[in-house]
């Protein structure tokens, strides 16, 4: 596997934007899993989630590298090559709070959430 990062793809000093998907928080949406932009710290929802805000962030900003924002996961993903890889330690926190439900947030996840996700 040959990952060739460009300057600015990863900024280890930038903290995450918060504990949940920025856009879902603004609109009252919900997510399955969370992803963190390695360049600017934007937290977006994964491609399984109804709104797929992490991928949308990549397309809108040109920031191609994300990192899982799930507890216990430390993989990065390069959207250019569609490859996962190990990367540097980022500014904390490294994941959403373990007490946060998955999917989440719990009070906004519909009972039929499995019928609303992308598979």
C-alpha atoms as a PDB file:
ATOM      1  CA  UNK A   1       0.000   0.000   0.000  1.00  0.00           C
ATOM      2  CA  UNK A   2       1.489   3.320  -1.085  1.00  0.00           C
ATOM      3  CA  UNK A   3      -0.050   6.349   0.622  1.00  0.00           C
ATOM      4  CA  UNK A   4       1.354   9.656  -0.589  1.00  0.00           C
ATOM      5  CA  UNK A   5       0.173  12.470   1.617  1.00  0.00           C
ATOM      6  CA  UNK A   6       0.324  16.066   0.469  1.00  0.00           C
ATOM      7  CA  UNK A   7       1.260  18.999   2.718  1.00  0.00           C
ATOM      8  CA  UNK A   8      -1.849  20.005   4.650  1.00  0.00           C
ATOM      9  CA  UNK A   9      -3.601  16.618   4.393  1.00  0.00           C
ATOM     10  CA  UNK A  10      -3.068  16.046   8.132  1.00  0.00           C
ATOM     11  CA  UNK A  11      -2.648  18.710  10.810  1.00  0.00           C
ATOM     12  CA  UNK A  12      -2.007  16.922  14.123  1.00  0.00           C
ATOM     13  CA  UNK A  13      -2.407  20.140  16.119  1.00  0.00           C
ATOM     14  CA  UNK A  14      -6.046  20.862  15.185  1.00  0.00           C
ATOM     15  CA  UNK A  15      -8.628  19.654  17.725  1.00  0.00           C
ATOM     16  CA  UNK A  16     -11.931  18.109  16.619  1.00  0.00           C
ATOM     17  CA  UNK A  17     -14.899  20.415  16.074  1.00  0.00           C
ATOM     18  CA  UNK A  18     -16.953  18.724  18.801  1.00  0.00           C
ATOM     19  CA  UNK A  19     -18.462  15.443  19.993  1.00  0.00           C
ATOM     20  CA  UNK A  20     -20.880  14.977  17.078  1.00  0.00           C
ATOM     21  CA  UNK A  21     -21.478  15.626  13.384  1.00  0.00           C
ATOM     22  CA  UNK A  22     -21.450  19.390  12.845  1.00  0.00           C
ATOM     23  CA  UNK A  23     -24.235  19.440  10.259  1.00  0.00           C
ATOM     24  CA  UNK A  24     -26.441  16.860  12.020  1.00  0.00           C
ATOM     25  CA  UNK A  25     -26.198  18.903  15.212  1.00  0.00           C
ATOM     26  CA  UNK A  26     -27.290  22.011  13.284  1.00  0.00           C
ATOM     27  CA  UNK A  27     -30.228  20.276  11.588  1.00  0.00           C
ATOM     28  CA  UNK A  28     -31.364  17.877  14.316  1.00  0.00           C
ATOM     29  CA  UNK A  29     -30.132  14.842  12.383  1.00  0.00           C
ATOM     30  CA  UNK A  30     -28.474  11.673  13.618  1.00  0.00           C
ATOM     31  CA  UNK A  31     -25.551   9.481  12.605  1.00  0.00           C
ATOM     32  CA  UNK A  32     -24.283   5.917  12.692  1.00  0.00           C
ATOM     33  CA  UNK A  33     -20.531   6.530  13.064  1.00  0.00           C
ATOM     34  CA  UNK A  34     -18.374   9.641  13.116  1.00  0.00           C
ATOM     35  CA  UNK A  35     -15.341  10.660  11.057  1.00  0.00           C
ATOM     36  CA  UNK A  36     -12.819  13.435  11.742  1.00  0.00           C
ATOM     37  CA  UNK A  37     -11.211  15.517   9.018  1.00  0.00           C
ATOM     38  CA  UNK A  38      -7.460  15.141   9.502  1.00  0.00           C
ATOM     39  CA  UNK A  39      -6.813  18.611   8.066  1.00  0.00           C
ATOM     40  CA  UNK A  40      -9.301  20.843   9.908  1.00  0.00           C
ATOM     41  CA  UNK A  41     -10.909  18.715  12.651  1.00  0.00           C
ATOM     42  CA  UNK A  42     -14.450  18.813  11.180  1.00  0.00           C
ATOM     43  CA  UNK A  43     -16.569  15.988  12.592  1.00  0.00           C
ATOM     44  CA  UNK A  44     -18.972  14.487  10.067  1.00  0.00           C
ATOM     45  CA  UNK A  45     -21.134  11.394   9.863  1.00  0.00           C
ATOM     46  CA  UNK A  46     -20.006   8.294   7.958  1.00  0.00           C
ATOM     47  CA  UNK A  47     -21.259   7.037   4.609  1.00  0.00           C
ATOM     48  CA  UNK A  48     -23.616   4.573   6.324  1.00  0.00           C
ATOM     49  CA  UNK A  49     -25.359   7.511   8.003  1.00  0.00           C
ATOM     50  CA  UNK A  50     -28.376   9.066   6.272  1.00  0.00           C
ATOM     51  CA  UNK A  51     -26.661  12.378   5.448  1.00  0.00           C
ATOM     52  CA  UNK A  52     -23.046  11.284   4.794  1.00  0.00           C
ATOM     53  CA  UNK A  53     -21.600  14.618   5.928  1.00  0.00           C
ATOM     54  CA  UNK A  54     -17.966  13.425   6.192  1.00  0.00           C
ATOM     55  CA  UNK A  55     -17.845  12.552   2.474  1.00  0.00           C
ATOM     56  CA  UNK A  56     -19.633  15.779   1.633  1.00  0.00           C
ATOM     57  CA  UNK A  57     -16.984  17.688   3.604  1.00  0.00           C
ATOM     58  CA  UNK A  58     -14.252  15.989   1.541  1.00  0.00           C
ATOM     59  CA  UNK A  59     -15.951  17.031  -1.721  1.00  0.00           C
ATOM     60  CA  UNK A  60     -16.661  20.595  -0.594  1.00  0.00           C
ATOM     61  CA  UNK A  61     -13.265  21.355   0.958  1.00  0.00           C
ATOM     62  CA  UNK A  62     -10.819  19.105  -0.872  1.00  0.00           C
ATOM     63  CA  UNK A  63      -9.596  17.711   2.466  1.00  0.00           C
ATOM     64  CA  UNK A  64      -9.098  14.069   1.415  1.00  0.00           C
ATOM     65  CA  UNK A  65      -8.036  12.384   4.666  1.00  0.00           C
ATOM     66  CA  UNK A  66     -10.345  11.394   7.516  1.00  0.00           C
ATOM     67  CA  UNK A  67      -9.815   9.487  10.723  1.00  0.00           C
ATOM     68  CA  UNK A  68     -12.313   7.418  12.634  1.00  0.00           C
ATOM     69  CA  UNK A  69     -13.812   9.325  15.559  1.00  0.00           C
ATOM     70  CA  UNK A  70     -15.074   6.153  17.240  1.00  0.00           C
ATOM     71  CA  UNK A  71     -13.681   4.994  20.606  1.00  0.00           C
ATOM     72  CA  UNK A  72     -10.972   2.358  20.145  1.00  0.00           C
ATOM     73  CA  UNK A  73     -10.449   3.063  16.433  1.00  0.00           C
ATOM     74  CA  UNK A  74      -7.387   4.893  15.123  1.00  0.00           C
ATOM     75  CA  UNK A  75      -7.426   4.298  11.361  1.00  0.00           C
ATOM     76  CA  UNK A  76      -7.162   6.998   8.712  1.00  0.00           C
ATOM     77  CA  UNK A  77      -8.751   6.868   5.250  1.00  0.00           C
ATOM     78  CA  UNK A  78      -7.586   8.606   2.085  1.00  0.00           C
ATOM     79  CA  UNK A  79     -10.529   9.312  -0.235  1.00  0.00           C
ATOM     80  CA  UNK A  80      -8.175   9.760  -3.226  1.00  0.00           C
ATOM     81  CA  UNK A  81      -6.857   6.217  -3.044  1.00  0.00           C
ATOM     82  CA  UNK A  82      -9.742   4.703  -1.060  1.00  0.00           C
ATOM     83  CA  UNK A  83      -7.197   3.128   1.287  1.00  0.00           C
ATOM     84  CA  UNK A  84      -7.034   2.979   5.049  1.00  0.00           C
ATOM     85  CA  UNK A  85      -3.697   3.590   6.755  1.00  0.00           C
ATOM     86  CA  UNK A  86      -2.043   4.326  10.081  1.00  0.00           C
ATOM     87  CA  UNK A  87      -1.222   7.954  10.745  1.00  0.00           C
ATOM     88  CA  UNK A  88       0.088  10.298  13.412  1.00  0.00           C
ATOM     89  CA  UNK A  89      -1.480  10.985  16.781  1.00  0.00           C
ATOM     90  CA  UNK A  90      -3.967  13.854  16.524  1.00  0.00           C
ATOM     91  CA  UNK A  91      -4.941  16.494  19.065  1.00  0.00           C
ATOM     92  CA  UNK A  92      -7.376  15.163  21.683  1.00  0.00           C
ATOM     93  CA  UNK A  93     -10.019  14.090  22.080  1.00  0.00           C
ATOM     94  CA  UNK A  94      -9.447  11.190  19.698  1.00  0.00           C
ATOM     95  CA  UNK A  95     -13.064   9.962  19.755  1.00  0.00           C
ATOM     96  CA  UNK A  96     -16.541  10.964  20.788  1.00  0.00           C
ATOM     97  CA  UNK A  97     -17.398  10.277  24.447  1.00  0.00           C
ATOM     98  CA  UNK A  98     -17.818   6.571  25.148  1.00  0.00           C
ATOM     99  CA  UNK A  99     -21.129   7.387  26.818  1.00  0.00           C
ATOM    100  CA  UNK A 100     -22.507   8.684  23.501  1.00  0.00           C
ATOM    101  CA  UNK A 101     -24.783   6.147  21.833  1.00  0.00           C
ATOM    102  CA  UNK A 102     -24.068   4.502  18.473  1.00  0.00           C
ATOM    103  CA  UNK A 103     -26.024   5.379  16.473  1.00  0.00           C
ATOM    104  CA  UNK A 104     -26.522   8.735  18.065  1.00  0.00           C
ATOM    105  CA  UNK A 105     -27.466  10.910  19.606  1.00  0.00           C
ATOM    106  CA  UNK A 106     -29.897   8.542  21.309  1.00  0.00           C
ATOM    107  CA  UNK A 107     -32.757  11.023  21.563  1.00  0.00           C
ATOM    108  CA  UNK A 108     -32.783  11.637  17.777  1.00  0.00           C
ATOM    109  CA  UNK A 109     -32.314   8.111  16.394  1.00  0.00           C
ATOM    110  CA  UNK A 110     -35.616   6.818  14.979  1.00  0.00           C
ATOM    111  CA  UNK A 111     -36.838   3.353  15.941  1.00  0.00           C
ATOM    112  CA  UNK A 112     -36.626   2.261  12.295  1.00  0.00           C
ATOM    113  CA  UNK A 113     -33.083   3.598  11.879  1.00  0.00           C
ATOM    114  CA  UNK A 114     -31.855   0.411  10.169  1.00  0.00           C
ATOM    115  CA  UNK A 115     -34.281   1.129   7.313  1.00  0.00           C
ATOM    116  CA  UNK A 116     -32.819   4.622   6.847  1.00  0.00           C
ATOM    117  CA  UNK A 117     -29.095   3.884   6.554  1.00  0.00           C
ATOM    118  CA  UNK A 118     -26.916   3.374   3.474  1.00  0.00           C
ATOM    119  CA  UNK A 119     -25.544  -0.141   3.152  1.00  0.00           C
END
